Amino acid sequence: MLKPAIPDRVADPVSQVGVFNIPNFLTTIRIVVVPILGWLLFKENADTESNRIIVGTLFIVAALTDIADGTIARKYDLITNFGKIFDPIADKALIGVSLIGLSYLGLLAWWITWVILFREVFVTLLRFWVINKGVIPASRGGKAKTIVQIVAISMLLLPLGSSLNNLAMGFMYLAVFLTLATAIDYIMRAIVTDRDDH
């Protein structure tokens, strides 16, 4: 199984700070970007080169805020309940809308979208369920999975041309593999945590 790295961030203690801070602002930006991204992906002529450049750029910027908000929150002790709840929701919504949009435009097979979305929702619910019983250690695979998903989605959203399409799909298939592997890993950890609780 994948080796544990650090404790699940859902379990991080809340800092004695107000909700208005930079990490939460970045999370809010990501939440706001999601419906804009959705509109751009599902509007008429969404598959034009200019629109895909806008969509791809917007997705990359939003994904970077995901990396930044958690890093800043932990480094400067700005962890809040708002961030713990809405950060993963914003992440899943961003990935979900982008994947559905790619499939809608015929740029990605629907089965890949459904596999990744099911895993993200399932593991998110699992994390919040187990948090009352104990902490599931995060895995290096989970971090890698997120990075590979972002790279694959970015490459597919941007009109990079057919020459890079195989590379983009290679990243996407790797993302699917890591998605399934980390889901199995989380399930096994949840079973161990639940057994230890009893």
Foldseek 3Di string as FASTA:
>chain_A
DFDFDAWDPLLDDAFPDDCDDDLNVLLVVLQVLLVVLLCLLPPPPSVDQVSLVVSLVSLVSNLVSLVVSVVCCVVVVHGHPSCSPRSLVSLLSSLLSLLVSCVVVVLDPVVLSVLLSVLSVVLVVLQVVLVVQHIQGAGPLVVVLSVLSSQLSSVSSHCPDPVCSVVSVVSSVVSSVSSVVVSVVSVVSSVVSVVVSD
